[in-house]
Amino acid sequence: MSKRGSWQVFGLMALTLCLLLGWLYYLSCFTREQAGTQNAEKGPSGVAAAADQRHTAVYDYSKPVPAAEGTIAADYFQDAVFIGDSRTTGLQLFGGPPEAVYYTAAGLKVDTVLTKPVVTAGEQKITIMEALRQHKFGKIYIMLGVNELGWAYSELFIQTYGEVIAEIKEIAPQAIIYVQSILPVTKEKSLTDKIYNQQNINKYNELIRKMAAEQQVYYLDAAAAVQDDEGYLPAEAATDGIHLKPAYCRQWFEYLQQHYITGGVVNEA
């Protein structure tokens, strides 16, 4: 081979070597980049990102709070307040948590809860909203609606109820707010009363459930705790067809102990 040919072969080999080295350098950079991306996803510990992330499921406020795996201890209610009418007064007297605070009044409605002085504060009475501003609660249980069943416009009822919830949320942003369904009445009461009947109660409860979803507060189907297979309050549960006897007040409270929220997380079975 001539001297000139030798130089040509040598040049070709050098070019090939340069191309090979360049390709290896590119692969090395690409591999490091991919490794960096994977490590970023895994986090500083090298564990996969999916394992490191805290996935918070979006709660469906349109559904009742589901049953928990177990019964919550009584001290859960130490920072709770119950707001309601004479039915809630019955809960206080006959089976409700003694650790809780009760802001109740006979005939309380969604409008008077804003304006009627019913809470004793020293030597005077103040409204429930004023009382909520003075005392901090971790849980707020509300049951209203039975005294409004005779209102001409159910739209006004649920609009006012929504305003009540909105104000409570503003006053107590730290609290877990439970809105309870209206408890049923007995079948006899329902069939003989044009106002206090199950048809009206079911209509109002559906409005309450939707309002709770809109306000993003927790809906408790408390009616399920005391109703029979037909959806009525059992005949032996009340003397007047409306107000619960002690045994059924205890059933109501047992339901609350089994349907609860802790730390903003639903306790599902």
C-alpha atoms as a PDB file:
ATOM      1  CA  MET A   1       0.000   0.000   0.000  1.00  0.00           C
ATOM      2  CA  SER A   2       1.278   3.416  -0.900  1.00  0.00           C
ATOM      3  CA  LYS A   3       2.104   5.974   1.697  1.00  0.00           C
ATOM      4  CA  ARG A   4      -0.791   8.089   0.542  1.00  0.00           C
ATOM      5  CA  GLY A   5      -3.230   5.186   0.927  1.00  0.00           C
ATOM      6  CA  SER A   6      -1.984   4.501   4.434  1.00  0.00           C
ATOM      7  CA  TRP A   7      -2.748   8.062   5.478  1.00  0.00           C
ATOM      8  CA  GLN A   8      -6.260   7.781   4.059  1.00  0.00           C
ATOM      9  CA  VAL A   9      -6.964   4.601   6.050  1.00  0.00           C
ATOM     10  CA  PHE A  10      -5.570   6.196   9.210  1.00  0.00           C
ATOM     11  CA  GLY A  11      -7.768   9.276   8.709  1.00  0.00           C
ATOM     12  CA  LEU A  12     -10.860   7.148   8.219  1.00  0.00           C
ATOM     13  CA  MET A  13     -10.130   5.190  11.402  1.00  0.00           C
ATOM     14  CA  ALA A  14      -9.625   8.412  13.369  1.00  0.00           C
ATOM     15  CA  LEU A  15     -12.919   9.812  12.107  1.00  0.00           C
ATOM     16  CA  THR A  16     -14.705   6.606  13.023  1.00  0.00           C
ATOM     17  CA  LEU A  17     -13.181   6.707  16.505  1.00  0.00           C
ATOM     18  CA  CYS A  18     -14.292  10.327  17.009  1.00  0.00           C
ATOM     19  CA  LEU A  19     -17.821   9.506  15.953  1.00  0.00           C
ATOM     20  CA  LEU A  20     -17.877   6.527  18.324  1.00  0.00           C
ATOM     21  CA  LEU A  21     -16.614   8.579  21.247  1.00  0.00           C
ATOM     22  CA  GLY A  22     -19.211  11.293  20.521  1.00  0.00           C
ATOM     23  CA  TRP A  23     -22.001   8.751  20.489  1.00  0.00           C
ATOM     24  CA  LEU A  24     -20.850   7.237  23.781  1.00  0.00           C
ATOM     25  CA  TYR A  25     -20.745  10.726  25.342  1.00  0.00           C
ATOM     26  CA  TYR A  26     -24.303  11.421  24.149  1.00  0.00           C
ATOM     27  CA  LEU A  27     -25.541   8.146  25.638  1.00  0.00           C
ATOM     28  CA  SER A  28     -23.831   8.953  28.916  1.00  0.00           C
ATOM     29  CA  CYS A  29     -25.529  12.372  29.134  1.00  0.00           C
ATOM     30  CA  PHE A  30     -28.904  10.965  28.218  1.00  0.00           C
ATOM     31  CA  THR A  31     -28.619   8.237  30.857  1.00  0.00           C
ATOM     32  CA  ARG A  32     -27.715  10.761  33.562  1.00  0.00           C
ATOM     33  CA  GLU A  33     -30.656  12.976  32.565  1.00  0.00           C
ATOM     34  CA  GLN A  34     -33.076  10.071  32.754  1.00  0.00           C
ATOM     35  CA  ALA A  35     -31.686   9.026  36.117  1.00  0.00           C
ATOM     36  CA  GLY A  36     -32.075  12.582  37.393  1.00  0.00           C
ATOM     37  CA  THR A  37     -35.700  12.671  36.266  1.00  0.00           C
ATOM     38  CA  GLN A  38     -36.441   9.373  37.951  1.00  0.00           C
ATOM     39  CA  ASN A  39     -34.770  10.468  41.169  1.00  0.00           C
ATOM     40  CA  ALA A  40     -36.772  13.685  41.153  1.00  0.00           C
ATOM     41  CA  GLU A  41     -39.921  11.611  40.886  1.00  0.00           C
ATOM     42  CA  LYS A  42     -38.734   9.272  43.620  1.00  0.00           C
ATOM     43  CA  GLY A  43     -37.695  12.049  45.948  1.00  0.00           C
ATOM     44  CA  PRO A  44     -34.550  12.358  48.017  1.00  0.00           C
ATOM     45  CA  SER A  45     -34.906   8.897  49.483  1.00  0.00           C
ATOM     46  CA  GLY A  46     -35.113   7.229  46.082  1.00  0.00           C
ATOM     47  CA  VAL A  47     -38.595   5.852  46.820  1.00  0.00           C
ATOM     48  CA  ALA A  48     -41.090   6.099  43.969  1.00  0.00           C
ATOM     49  CA  ALA A  49     -43.100   9.321  43.907  1.00  0.00           C
ATOM     50  CA  ALA A  50     -46.368   7.469  44.162  1.00  0.00           C
ATOM     51  CA  ALA A  51     -45.266   6.050  47.478  1.00  0.00           C
ATOM     52  CA  ASP A  52     -44.103   9.426  48.778  1.00  0.00           C
ATOM     53  CA  GLN A  53     -47.151  11.484  47.813  1.00  0.00           C
ATOM     54  CA  ARG A  54     -50.059  11.899  50.192  1.00  0.00           C
ATOM     55  CA  HIS A  55     -53.151  11.247  48.150  1.00  0.00           C
ATOM     56  CA  THR A  56     -56.185  13.045  49.583  1.00  0.00           C
ATOM     57  CA  ALA A  57     -59.404  11.708  48.110  1.00  0.00           C
ATOM     58  CA  VAL A  58     -62.050  14.279  47.270  1.00  0.00           C
ATOM     59  CA  TYR A  59     -64.933  13.819  49.685  1.00  0.00           C
ATOM     60  CA  ASP A  60     -68.408  13.542  48.194  1.00  0.00           C
ATOM     61  CA  TYR A  61     -70.447  15.888  50.373  1.00  0.00           C
ATOM     62  CA  SER A  62     -73.664  14.857  48.623  1.00  0.00           C
ATOM     63  CA  LYS A  63     -73.590  11.512  50.421  1.00  0.00           C
ATOM     64  CA  PRO A  64     -74.164  10.819  54.119  1.00  0.00           C
ATOM     65  CA  VAL A  65     -71.133  10.233  56.296  1.00  0.00           C
ATOM     66  CA  PRO A  66     -70.502   6.455  56.064  1.00  0.00           C
ATOM     67  CA  ALA A  67     -70.323   4.118  59.023  1.00  0.00           C
ATOM     68  CA  ALA A  68     -66.931   3.875  60.694  1.00  0.00           C
ATOM     69  CA  GLU A  69     -65.066   0.701  61.543  1.00  0.00           C
ATOM     70  CA  GLY A  70     -65.713   1.217  65.238  1.00  0.00           C
ATOM     71  CA  THR A  71     -67.515   3.336  67.798  1.00  0.00           C
ATOM     72  CA  ILE A  72     -65.829   6.626  68.669  1.00  0.00           C
ATOM     73  CA  ALA A  73     -65.031   7.286  72.328  1.00  0.00           C
ATOM     74  CA  ALA A  74     -67.209   9.675  74.307  1.00  0.00           C
ATOM     75  CA  ASP A  75     -64.385  12.208  74.615  1.00  0.00           C
ATOM     76  CA  TYR A  76     -64.770  12.916  70.880  1.00  0.00           C
ATOM     77  CA  PHE A  77     -67.738  15.085  71.881  1.00  0.00           C
ATOM     78  CA  GLN A  78     -65.907  17.111  74.530  1.00  0.00           C
ATOM     79  CA  ASP A  79     -65.499  20.027  72.110  1.00  0.00           C
ATOM     80  CA  ALA A  80     -68.886  19.547  70.394  1.00  0.00           C
ATOM     81  CA  VAL A  81     -71.979  21.728  70.407  1.00  0.00           C
ATOM     82  CA  PHE A  82     -75.461  20.563  69.411  1.00  0.00           C
ATOM     83  CA  ILE A  83     -77.832  23.097  67.873  1.00  0.00           C
ATOM     84  CA  GLY A  84     -81.500  22.298  67.444  1.00  0.00           C
ATOM     85  CA  ASP A  85     -85.081  22.376  68.609  1.00  0.00           C
ATOM     86  CA  SER A  86     -86.884  20.368  71.294  1.00  0.00           C
ATOM     87  CA  ARG A  87     -85.853  17.075  69.702  1.00  0.00           C
ATOM     88  CA  THR A  88     -82.215  17.966  70.330  1.00  0.00           C
ATOM     89  CA  THR A  89     -83.172  18.946  73.865  1.00  0.00           C
ATOM     90  CA  GLY A  90     -84.463  15.389  74.187  1.00  0.00           C
ATOM     91  CA  LEU A  91     -81.091  14.075  73.050  1.00  0.00           C
ATOM     92  CA  GLN A  92     -79.435  16.178  75.727  1.00  0.00           C
ATOM     93  CA  LEU A  93     -81.734  14.838  78.436  1.00  0.00           C
ATOM     94  CA  PHE A  94     -82.009  11.199  77.388  1.00  0.00           C
ATOM     95  CA  GLY A  95     -78.801   9.769  76.028  1.00  0.00           C
ATOM     96  CA  GLY A  96     -76.702  12.424  74.331  1.00  0.00           C
ATOM     97  CA  PRO A  97     -73.064  13.016  75.274  1.00  0.00           C
ATOM     98  CA  PRO A  98     -72.941  14.840  78.620  1.00  0.00           C
ATOM     99  CA  GLU A  99     -69.558  16.323  77.692  1.00  0.00           C
ATOM    100  CA  ALA A 100     -71.080  18.342  74.859  1.00  0.00           C
ATOM    101  CA  VAL A 101     -72.669  21.803  74.920  1.00  0.00           C
ATOM    102  CA  TYR A 102     -76.299  22.204  73.817  1.00  0.00           C
ATOM    103  CA  TYR A 103     -77.802  25.319  72.245  1.00  0.00           C
ATOM    104  CA  THR A 104     -81.443  24.325  71.920  1.00  0.00           C
ATOM    105  CA  ALA A 105     -84.901  25.832  72.206  1.00  0.00           C
ATOM    106  CA  ALA A 106     -88.425  24.572  71.634  1.00  0.00           C
ATOM    107  CA  GLY A 107     -89.692  25.717  68.264  1.00  0.00           C
ATOM    108  CA  LEU A 108     -86.233  26.790  67.032  1.00  0.00           C
ATOM    109  CA  LYS A 109     -86.135  27.387  63.268  1.00  0.00           C
ATOM    110  CA  VAL A 110     -83.604  28.381  60.639  1.00  0.00           C
ATOM    111  CA  ASP A 111     -84.614  32.020  60.920  1.00  0.00           C
ATOM    112  CA  THR A 112     -84.883  32.294  64.706  1.00  0.00           C
ATOM    113  CA  VAL A 113     -81.532  30.543  65.175  1.00  0.00           C
ATOM    114  CA  LEU A 114     -80.053  33.793  63.868  1.00  0.00           C
ATOM    115  CA  THR A 115     -82.110  36.169  65.974  1.00  0.00           C
ATOM    116  CA  LYS A 116     -83.704  34.523  69.026  1.00  0.00           C
ATOM    117  CA  PRO A 117     -81.826  34.878  72.342  1.00  0.00           C
ATOM    118  CA  VAL A 118     -81.849  31.337  73.740  1.00  0.00           C
ATOM    119  CA  VAL A 119     -78.380  30.840  75.226  1.00  0.00           C
ATOM    120  CA  THR A 120     -77.812  31.920  78.811  1.00  0.00           C
ATOM    121  CA  ALA A 121     -74.688  34.046  79.188  1.00  0.00           C
ATOM    122  CA  GLY A 122     -74.351  35.359  82.704  1.00  0.00           C
ATOM    123  CA  GLU A 123     -77.494  37.251  83.578  1.00  0.00           C
ATOM    124  CA  GLN A 124     -78.693  37.633  80.013  1.00  0.00           C
ATOM    125  CA  LYS A 125     -79.594  35.552  76.993  1.00  0.00           C
ATOM    126  CA  ILE A 126     -77.840  35.796  73.644  1.00  0.00           C
ATOM    127  CA  THR A 127     -78.394  34.296  70.216  1.00  0.00           C
ATOM    128  CA  ILE A 128     -76.775  31.059  69.171  1.00  0.00           C
ATOM    129  CA  MET A 129     -74.585  32.912  66.680  1.00  0.00           C
ATOM    130  CA  GLU A 130     -73.355  35.233  69.410  1.00  0.00           C
ATOM    131  CA  ALA A 131     -72.627  32.222  71.615  1.00  0.00           C
ATOM    132  CA  LEU A 132     -70.641  30.567  68.828  1.00  0.00           C
ATOM    133  CA  ARG A 133     -68.511  33.696  68.561  1.00  0.00           C
ATOM    134  CA  GLN A 134     -67.723  33.548  72.261  1.00  0.00           C
ATOM    135  CA  HIS A 135     -66.839  29.850  72.475  1.00  0.00           C
ATOM    136  CA  LYS A 136     -64.628  27.780  70.175  1.00  0.00           C
ATOM    137  CA  PHE A 137     -65.896  24.313  69.206  1.00  0.00           C
ATOM    138  CA  GLY A 138     -64.245  21.521  67.267  1.00  0.00           C
ATOM    139  CA  LYS A 139     -67.503  19.933  66.104  1.00  0.00           C
ATOM    140  CA  ILE A 140     -70.897  21.508  65.458  1.00  0.00           C
ATOM    141  CA  TYR A 141     -73.994  19.316  65.092  1.00  0.00           C
ATOM    142  CA  ILE A 142     -77.103  20.960  63.644  1.00  0.00           C
ATOM    143  CA  MET A 143     -80.632  19.658  63.268  1.00  0.00           C
ATOM    144  CA  LEU A 144     -83.315  22.054  62.100  1.00  0.00           C
ATOM    145  CA  GLY A 145     -86.332  21.794  59.850  1.00  0.00           C
ATOM    146  CA  VAL A 146     -89.192  20.016  61.580  1.00  0.00           C
ATOM    147  CA  ASN A 147     -90.761  23.298  62.729  1.00  0.00           C
ATOM    148  CA  GLU A 148     -90.509  24.681  59.194  1.00  0.00           C
ATOM    149  CA  LEU A 149     -92.472  21.868  57.540  1.00  0.00           C
ATOM    150  CA  GLY A 150     -95.491  24.163  57.376  1.00  0.00           C
ATOM    151  CA  TRP A 151     -93.710  26.973  55.577  1.00  0.00           C
ATOM    152  CA  ALA A 152     -95.390  27.954  52.328  1.00  0.00           C
ATOM    153  CA  TYR A 153     -92.097  28.045  50.422  1.00  0.00           C
ATOM    154  CA  SER A 154     -89.547  25.304  50.914  1.00  0.00           C
ATOM    155  CA  GLU A 155     -87.119  27.354  48.801  1.00  0.00           C
ATOM    156  CA  LEU A 156     -87.099  30.039  51.493  1.00  0.00           C
ATOM    157  CA  PHE A 157     -86.420  27.392  54.131  1.00  0.00           C
ATOM    158  CA  ILE A 158     -83.373  25.940  52.407  1.00  0.00           C
ATOM    159  CA  GLN A 159     -82.054  29.345  51.368  1.00  0.00           C
ATOM    160  CA  THR A 160     -82.195  30.524  54.978  1.00  0.00           C
ATOM    161  CA  TYR A 161     -80.663  27.258  56.202  1.00  0.00           C
ATOM    162  CA  GLY A 162     -77.799  27.758  53.760  1.00  0.00           C
ATOM    163  CA  GLU A 163     -77.258  31.260  55.127  1.00  0.00           C
ATOM    164  CA  VAL A 164     -77.126  29.825  58.654  1.00  0.00           C
ATOM    165  CA  ILE A 165     -74.473  27.299  57.647  1.00  0.00           C
ATOM    166  CA  ALA A 166     -72.458  29.918  55.775  1.00  0.00           C
ATOM    167  CA  GLU A 167     -72.399  32.153  58.864  1.00  0.00           C
ATOM    168  CA  ILE A 168     -71.397  29.272  61.120  1.00  0.00           C
ATOM    169  CA  LYS A 169     -68.549  28.404  58.742  1.00  0.00           C
ATOM    170  CA  GLU A 170     -67.367  31.995  58.916  1.00  0.00           C
ATOM    171  CA  ILE A 171     -67.581  32.061  62.716  1.00  0.00           C
ATOM    172  CA  ALA A 172     -65.953  28.644  63.231  1.00  0.00           C
ATOM    173  CA  PRO A 173     -63.732  27.815  60.245  1.00  0.00           C
ATOM    174  CA  GLN A 174     -61.826  25.300  62.375  1.00  0.00           C
ATOM    175  CA  ALA A 175     -64.899  23.194  63.199  1.00  0.00           C
ATOM    176  CA  ILE A 176     -66.192  20.004  61.634  1.00  0.00           C
ATOM    177  CA  ILE A 177     -69.797  20.870  60.807  1.00  0.00           C
ATOM    178  CA  TYR A 178     -72.447  18.156  60.705  1.00  0.00           C
ATOM    179  CA  VAL A 179     -75.917  18.819  59.295  1.00  0.00           C
ATOM    180  CA  GLN A 180     -78.345  16.118  60.383  1.00  0.00           C
ATOM    181  CA  SER A 181     -81.423  14.970  58.537  1.00  0.00           C
ATOM    182  CA  ILE A 182     -84.834  15.606  60.062  1.00  0.00           C
ATOM    183  CA  LEU A 183     -85.945  12.632  62.131  1.00  0.00           C
ATOM    184  CA  PRO A 184     -89.098  10.796  60.980  1.00  0.00           C
ATOM    185  CA  VAL A 185     -92.525  10.782  62.595  1.00  0.00           C
ATOM    186  CA  THR A 186     -94.688   7.770  63.315  1.00  0.00           C
ATOM    187  CA  LYS A 187     -96.883   6.327  60.599  1.00  0.00           C
ATOM    188  CA  GLU A 188    -100.036   7.302  62.445  1.00  0.00           C
ATOM    189  CA  LYS A 189     -98.817  10.886  62.782  1.00  0.00           C
ATOM    190  CA  SER A 190     -97.794  11.013  59.156  1.00  0.00           C
ATOM    191  CA  LEU A 191    -101.122   9.751  57.826  1.00  0.00           C
ATOM    192  CA  THR A 192    -103.212  12.109  59.951  1.00  0.00           C
ATOM    193  CA  ASP A 193    -101.223  15.360  59.843  1.00  0.00           C
ATOM    194  CA  LYS A 194    -101.114  17.670  56.822  1.00  0.00           C
ATOM    195  CA  ILE A 195     -97.832  19.241  57.933  1.00  0.00           C
ATOM    196  CA  TYR A 196     -95.866  16.813  60.087  1.00  0.00           C
ATOM    197  CA  ASN A 197     -95.837  13.899  57.688  1.00  0.00           C
ATOM    198  CA  GLN A 198     -93.164  11.768  56.099  1.00  0.00           C
ATOM    199  CA  GLN A 199     -93.726  13.135  52.612  1.00  0.00           C
ATOM    200  CA  ASN A 200     -92.798  16.640  53.749  1.00  0.00           C
ATOM    201  CA  ILE A 201     -89.897  15.365  55.834  1.00  0.00           C
ATOM    202  CA  ASN A 202     -88.438  13.410  52.925  1.00  0.00           C
ATOM    203  CA  LYS A 203     -88.757  16.472  50.683  1.00  0.00           C
ATOM    204  CA  TYR A 204     -86.969  18.677  53.204  1.00  0.00           C
ATOM    205  CA  ASN A 205     -84.265  16.103  53.854  1.00  0.00           C
ATOM    206  CA  GLU A 206     -83.428  15.991  50.163  1.00  0.00           C
ATOM    207  CA  LEU A 207     -83.125  19.783  50.163  1.00  0.00           C
ATOM    208  CA  ILE A 208     -80.898  19.607  53.245  1.00  0.00           C
ATOM    209  CA  ARG A 209     -78.672  16.973  51.669  1.00  0.00           C
ATOM    210  CA  LYS A 210     -78.174  19.098  48.557  1.00  0.00           C
ATOM    211  CA  MET A 211     -77.530  22.211  50.643  1.00  0.00           C
ATOM    212  CA  ALA A 212     -74.890  20.353  52.674  1.00  0.00           C
ATOM    213  CA  ALA A 213     -73.166  19.375  49.431  1.00  0.00           C
ATOM    214  CA  GLU A 214     -73.199  22.967  48.195  1.00  0.00           C
ATOM    215  CA  GLN A 215     -71.862  24.273  51.506  1.00  0.00           C
ATOM    216  CA  GLN A 216     -69.375  21.382  51.757  1.00  0.00           C
ATOM    217  CA  VAL A 217     -70.375  20.331  55.242  1.00  0.00           C
ATOM    218  CA  TYR A 218     -70.946  16.772  56.414  1.00  0.00           C
ATOM    219  CA  TYR A 219     -74.445  15.320  56.059  1.00  0.00           C
ATOM    220  CA  LEU A 220     -75.552  12.830  58.688  1.00  0.00           C
ATOM    221  CA  ASP A 221     -78.583  10.694  57.896  1.00  0.00           C
ATOM    222  CA  ALA A 222     -79.662  10.612  61.547  1.00  0.00           C
ATOM    223  CA  ALA A 223     -83.134   9.483  60.497  1.00  0.00           C
ATOM    224  CA  ALA A 224     -81.666   6.092  59.627  1.00  0.00           C
ATOM    225  CA  ALA A 225     -80.867   5.565  63.306  1.00  0.00           C
ATOM    226  CA  VAL A 226     -84.507   5.473  64.396  1.00  0.00           C
ATOM    227  CA  GLN A 227     -86.702   4.686  61.383  1.00  0.00           C
ATOM    228  CA  ASP A 228     -88.428   1.389  60.685  1.00  0.00           C
ATOM    229  CA  ASP A 229     -88.459  -0.569  57.430  1.00  0.00           C
ATOM    230  CA  GLU A 230     -91.060   1.778  55.950  1.00  0.00           C
ATOM    231  CA  GLY A 231     -89.106   4.901  56.891  1.00  0.00           C
ATOM    232  CA  TYR A 232     -91.380   5.917  59.768  1.00  0.00           C
ATOM    233  CA  LEU A 233     -90.593   6.381  63.429  1.00  0.00           C
ATOM    234  CA  PRO A 234     -91.781   3.193  65.192  1.00  0.00           C
ATOM    235  CA  ALA A 235     -95.031   3.651  67.091  1.00  0.00           C
ATOM    236  CA  GLU A 236     -93.384   2.801  70.411  1.00  0.00           C
ATOM    237  CA  ALA A 237     -90.615   5.356  69.866  1.00  0.00           C
ATOM    238  CA  ALA A 238     -92.651   8.449  70.756  1.00  0.00           C
ATOM    239  CA  THR A 239     -95.729   9.343  72.789  1.00  0.00           C
ATOM    240  CA  ASP A 240     -96.801  12.155  70.459  1.00  0.00           C
ATOM    241  CA  GLY A 241     -95.516  10.704  67.196  1.00  0.00           C
ATOM    242  CA  ILE A 242     -92.647  13.224  67.037  1.00  0.00           C
ATOM    243  CA  HIS A 243     -90.492  13.462  70.165  1.00  0.00           C
ATOM    244  CA  LEU A 244     -88.272  10.482  70.928  1.00  0.00           C
ATOM    245  CA  LYS A 245     -88.418   8.380  74.052  1.00  0.00           C
ATOM    246  CA  PRO A 246     -85.107   7.845  75.906  1.00  0.00           C
ATOM    247  CA  ALA A 247     -84.299   4.507  74.256  1.00  0.00           C
ATOM    248  CA  TYR A 248     -84.481   6.064  70.801  1.00  0.00           C
ATOM    249  CA  CYS A 249     -82.461   9.078  71.890  1.00  0.00           C
ATOM    250  CA  ARG A 250     -79.745   6.601  72.823  1.00  0.00           C
ATOM    251  CA  GLN A 251     -80.050   4.974  69.387  1.00  0.00           C
ATOM    252  CA  TRP A 252     -79.599   8.394  67.835  1.00  0.00           C
ATOM    253  CA  PHE A 253     -76.448   9.000  69.832  1.00  0.00           C
ATOM    254  CA  GLU A 254     -75.110   5.537  68.995  1.00  0.00           C
ATOM    255  CA  TYR A 255     -75.503   6.427  65.329  1.00  0.00           C
ATOM    256  CA  LEU A 256     -73.438   9.583  65.858  1.00  0.00           C
ATOM    257  CA  GLN A 257     -70.746   7.516  67.565  1.00  0.00           C
ATOM    258  CA  GLN A 258     -70.537   5.293  64.497  1.00  0.00           C
ATOM    259  CA  HIS A 259     -70.627   8.039  61.851  1.00  0.00           C
ATOM    260  CA  TYR A 260     -67.954  10.645  62.367  1.00  0.00           C
ATOM    261  CA  ILE A 261     -65.031  12.550  60.910  1.00  0.00           C
ATOM    262  CA  THR A 262     -61.572  12.874  62.455  1.00  0.00           C
ATOM    263  CA  GLY A 263     -59.049  15.412  61.210  1.00  0.00           C
ATOM    264  CA  GLY A 264     -61.069  16.071  58.068  1.00  0.00           C
ATOM    265  CA  VAL A 265     -60.819  12.396  57.029  1.00  0.00           C
ATOM    266  CA  VAL A 266     -63.868  10.191  56.549  1.00  0.00           C
ATOM    267  CA  ASN A 267     -63.733   7.018  58.658  1.00  0.00           C
ATOM    268  CA  GLU A 268     -65.075   4.401  56.297  1.00  0.00           C
ATOM    269  CA  ALA A 269     -65.722   0.780  57.118  1.00  0.00           C
END
